[in-house]
Amino acid sequence: MMDISSNNWLAMSDGSLVETIGAFVKHHRLVQNKTQQQLATEAGLNRSTITQIEKGEKITLQSLLQVLRVLNLLYIMDVFKVQEQLSPLQLAKLEQNKRQRARKNLPAARKENNNNDNKSDW
């Protein structure tokens, strides 16, 4: 199988990308010792659709997902998961609000005095 780390995805044509996906599917099908017909049957597709995928020909996204599900490869969909990210300002505010040091427990009498000091006569 191709070394993914050496691929320059941006430089590849759409056809090359589709061929890479097909090679990925074929590799994992063979590792799992499944024939094209077995994979097609389990995915609810025609064998010719599996052949098209592996040759890098045009197929539907739904067919690809059915094949990935049968091959237990849906984990690759994690790259499409949208995660909220904090802006640098939000992150700085959270960091600012973190406790910087711990305090010893105040005696009960001091706690009451401190609480009274914070109250306003207004």
C-alpha atoms as a PDB file:
ATOM      1  CA  MET A   1       0.000   0.000   0.000  1.00  0.00           C
ATOM      2  CA  MET A   2       1.104   3.568  -0.582  1.00  0.00           C
ATOM      3  CA  ASP A   3       2.823   5.480   2.197  1.00  0.00           C
ATOM      4  CA  ILE A   4       0.263   8.147   3.068  1.00  0.00           C
ATOM      5  CA  SER A   5       2.811  10.434   4.700  1.00  0.00           C
ATOM      6  CA  SER A   6       4.668  10.891   1.396  1.00  0.00           C
ATOM      7  CA  ASN A   7       1.584  11.829  -0.645  1.00  0.00           C
ATOM      8  CA  ASN A   8       1.119  15.467  -1.523  1.00  0.00           C
ATOM      9  CA  TRP A   9      -2.676  15.487  -1.587  1.00  0.00           C
ATOM     10  CA  LEU A  10      -2.919  19.008  -2.996  1.00  0.00           C
ATOM     11  CA  ALA A  11      -0.697  18.207  -5.962  1.00  0.00           C
ATOM     12  CA  MET A  12      -2.653  15.074  -6.893  1.00  0.00           C
ATOM     13  CA  SER A  13      -5.352  15.204  -9.543  1.00  0.00           C
ATOM     14  CA  ASP A  14      -8.874  14.127  -8.655  1.00  0.00           C
ATOM     15  CA  GLY A  15      -8.334  10.956 -10.675  1.00  0.00           C
ATOM     16  CA  SER A  16      -5.199  10.121  -8.694  1.00  0.00           C
ATOM     17  CA  LEU A  17      -7.031  10.695  -5.434  1.00  0.00           C
ATOM     18  CA  VAL A  18      -9.839   8.363  -6.490  1.00  0.00           C
ATOM     19  CA  GLU A  19      -7.258   5.729  -7.511  1.00  0.00           C
ATOM     20  CA  THR A  20      -5.610   6.060  -4.087  1.00  0.00           C
ATOM     21  CA  ILE A  21      -8.965   5.490  -2.400  1.00  0.00           C
ATOM     22  CA  GLY A  22      -9.524   2.454  -4.612  1.00  0.00           C
ATOM     23  CA  ALA A  23      -6.109   1.039  -3.700  1.00  0.00           C
ATOM     24  CA  PHE A  24      -6.930   1.619  -0.018  1.00  0.00           C
ATOM     25  CA  VAL A  25     -10.194  -0.304  -0.319  1.00  0.00           C
ATOM     26  CA  LYS A  26      -8.559  -3.141  -2.280  1.00  0.00           C
ATOM     27  CA  HIS A  27      -5.709  -3.429   0.220  1.00  0.00           C
ATOM     28  CA  HIS A  28      -8.060  -3.725   3.179  1.00  0.00           C
ATOM     29  CA  ARG A  29     -10.364  -6.141   1.345  1.00  0.00           C
ATOM     30  CA  LEU A  30      -7.409  -8.445   0.655  1.00  0.00           C
ATOM     31  CA  VAL A  31      -6.076  -8.107   4.224  1.00  0.00           C
ATOM     32  CA  GLN A  32      -9.488  -9.279   5.417  1.00  0.00           C
ATOM     33  CA  ASN A  33      -9.362 -12.119   2.863  1.00  0.00           C
ATOM     34  CA  LYS A  34     -12.627 -11.158   1.166  1.00  0.00           C
ATOM     35  CA  THR A  35     -13.413 -11.599  -2.489  1.00  0.00           C
ATOM     36  CA  GLN A  36     -14.976  -8.776  -4.442  1.00  0.00           C
ATOM     37  CA  GLN A  37     -18.194 -10.785  -4.550  1.00  0.00           C
ATOM     38  CA  GLN A  38     -18.225 -11.313  -0.762  1.00  0.00           C
ATOM     39  CA  LEU A  39     -17.654  -7.621  -0.154  1.00  0.00           C
ATOM     40  CA  ALA A  40     -20.321  -6.668  -2.676  1.00  0.00           C
ATOM     41  CA  THR A  41     -22.859  -9.032  -1.132  1.00  0.00           C
ATOM     42  CA  GLU A  42     -22.190  -7.804   2.411  1.00  0.00           C
ATOM     43  CA  ALA A  43     -22.359  -4.172   1.284  1.00  0.00           C
ATOM     44  CA  GLY A  44     -25.524  -4.711  -0.756  1.00  0.00           C
ATOM     45  CA  LEU A  45     -23.801  -3.739  -4.001  1.00  0.00           C
ATOM     46  CA  ASN A  46     -22.932  -5.338  -7.344  1.00  0.00           C
ATOM     47  CA  ARG A  47     -19.489  -6.851  -7.799  1.00  0.00           C
ATOM     48  CA  SER A  48     -18.953  -4.442 -10.677  1.00  0.00           C
ATOM     49  CA  THR A  49     -19.288  -1.529  -8.213  1.00  0.00           C
ATOM     50  CA  ILE A  50     -16.452  -2.977  -6.115  1.00  0.00           C
ATOM     51  CA  THR A  51     -14.376  -3.337  -9.294  1.00  0.00           C
ATOM     52  CA  GLN A  52     -15.093   0.302 -10.151  1.00  0.00           C
ATOM     53  CA  ILE A  53     -14.029   1.445  -6.675  1.00  0.00           C
ATOM     54  CA  GLU A  54     -10.783  -0.503  -6.815  1.00  0.00           C
ATOM     55  CA  LYS A  55      -9.958   0.743 -10.328  1.00  0.00           C
ATOM     56  CA  GLY A  56     -10.541   4.339  -9.285  1.00  0.00           C
ATOM     57  CA  GLU A  57     -13.590   4.834 -11.472  1.00  0.00           C
ATOM     58  CA  LYS A  58     -16.548   7.032 -10.633  1.00  0.00           C
ATOM     59  CA  ILE A  59     -18.908   5.732  -7.967  1.00  0.00           C
ATOM     60  CA  THR A  60     -21.335   7.274  -5.511  1.00  0.00           C
ATOM     61  CA  LEU A  61     -20.293   8.382  -2.063  1.00  0.00           C
ATOM     62  CA  GLN A  62     -23.020   6.165  -0.634  1.00  0.00           C
ATOM     63  CA  SER A  63     -21.466   3.078  -2.270  1.00  0.00           C
ATOM     64  CA  LEU A  64     -18.076   3.994  -0.816  1.00  0.00           C
ATOM     65  CA  LEU A  65     -19.591   4.376   2.652  1.00  0.00           C
ATOM     66  CA  GLN A  66     -21.292   0.978   2.375  1.00  0.00           C
ATOM     67  CA  VAL A  67     -17.957  -0.624   1.489  1.00  0.00           C
ATOM     68  CA  LEU A  68     -16.102   1.181   4.281  1.00  0.00           C
ATOM     69  CA  ARG A  69     -18.754   0.044   6.773  1.00  0.00           C
ATOM     70  CA  VAL A  70     -18.380  -3.621   5.762  1.00  0.00           C
ATOM     71  CA  LEU A  71     -14.584  -3.360   5.973  1.00  0.00           C
ATOM     72  CA  ASN A  72     -14.845  -1.705   9.426  1.00  0.00           C
ATOM     73  CA  LEU A  73     -13.083   1.387   8.100  1.00  0.00           C
ATOM     74  CA  LEU A  74     -15.622   4.059   8.999  1.00  0.00           C
ATOM     75  CA  TYR A  75     -13.148   5.418  11.553  1.00  0.00           C
ATOM     76  CA  ILE A  76     -11.569   7.372   8.697  1.00  0.00           C
ATOM     77  CA  MET A  77     -14.673   9.557   8.769  1.00  0.00           C
ATOM     78  CA  ASP A  78     -13.324  11.092  11.997  1.00  0.00           C
ATOM     79  CA  VAL A  79     -11.376  13.597   9.904  1.00  0.00           C
ATOM     80  CA  PHE A  80     -14.699  15.139   8.860  1.00  0.00           C
ATOM     81  CA  LYS A  81     -15.897  15.643  12.424  1.00  0.00           C
ATOM     82  CA  VAL A  82     -16.426  19.318  13.226  1.00  0.00           C
ATOM     83  CA  GLN A  83     -15.016  20.326  16.589  1.00  0.00           C
ATOM     84  CA  GLU A  84     -15.505  23.710  18.152  1.00  0.00           C
ATOM     85  CA  GLN A  85     -12.293  25.551  18.676  1.00  0.00           C
ATOM     86  CA  LEU A  86     -11.615  28.354  21.092  1.00  0.00           C
ATOM     87  CA  SER A  87     -10.328  31.605  19.726  1.00  0.00           C
ATOM     88  CA  PRO A  88      -6.995  32.800  21.121  1.00  0.00           C
ATOM     89  CA  LEU A  89      -8.858  35.487  23.112  1.00  0.00           C
ATOM     90  CA  GLN A  90     -11.216  32.943  24.676  1.00  0.00           C
ATOM     91  CA  LEU A  91      -8.276  30.704  25.512  1.00  0.00           C
ATOM     92  CA  ALA A  92      -6.394  33.620  27.119  1.00  0.00           C
ATOM     93  CA  LYS A  93      -9.449  34.481  29.251  1.00  0.00           C
ATOM     94  CA  LEU A  94      -9.726  30.876  30.434  1.00  0.00           C
ATOM     95  CA  GLU A  95      -6.026  30.814  31.299  1.00  0.00           C
ATOM     96  CA  GLN A  96      -6.385  34.092  33.188  1.00  0.00           C
ATOM     97  CA  ASN A  97      -9.198  32.691  35.329  1.00  0.00           C
ATOM     98  CA  LYS A  98      -7.221  29.624  36.413  1.00  0.00           C
ATOM     99  CA  ARG A  99      -6.149  29.534  40.034  1.00  0.00           C
ATOM    100  CA  GLN A 100      -2.545  30.492  40.442  1.00  0.00           C
ATOM    101  CA  ARG A 101      -2.015  29.338  44.017  1.00  0.00           C
ATOM    102  CA  ALA A 102      -3.775  27.563  46.859  1.00  0.00           C
ATOM    103  CA  ARG A 103      -4.756  29.135  50.166  1.00  0.00           C
ATOM    104  CA  LYS A 104      -4.767  27.650  53.584  1.00  0.00           C
ATOM    105  CA  ASN A 105      -8.186  27.306  55.134  1.00  0.00           C
ATOM    106  CA  LEU A 106      -9.080  30.453  57.038  1.00  0.00           C
ATOM    107  CA  PRO A 107     -10.329  30.130  60.648  1.00  0.00           C
ATOM    108  CA  ALA A 108     -14.101  30.509  60.948  1.00  0.00           C
ATOM    109  CA  ALA A 109     -13.819  33.927  62.651  1.00  0.00           C
ATOM    110  CA  ARG A 110     -11.637  35.311  59.820  1.00  0.00           C
ATOM    111  CA  LYS A 111     -13.989  33.894  57.209  1.00  0.00           C
ATOM    112  CA  GLU A 112     -16.894  35.795  58.752  1.00  0.00           C
ATOM    113  CA  ASN A 113     -14.866  39.010  58.904  1.00  0.00           C
ATOM    114  CA  ASN A 114     -13.761  38.587  55.290  1.00  0.00           C
ATOM    115  CA  ASN A 115     -17.346  37.976  54.194  1.00  0.00           C
ATOM    116  CA  ASN A 116     -18.513  41.080  56.068  1.00  0.00           C
ATOM    117  CA  ASP A 117     -15.733  43.180  54.494  1.00  0.00           C
ATOM    118  CA  ASN A 118     -17.064  42.402  51.036  1.00  0.00           C
ATOM    119  CA  LYS A 119     -20.597  43.568  51.861  1.00  0.00           C
ATOM    120  CA  SER A 120     -21.489  47.154  51.137  1.00  0.00           C
ATOM    121  CA  ASP A 121     -23.648  49.418  53.298  1.00  0.00           C
ATOM    122  CA  TRP A 122     -25.340  50.717  50.221  1.00  0.00           C
END
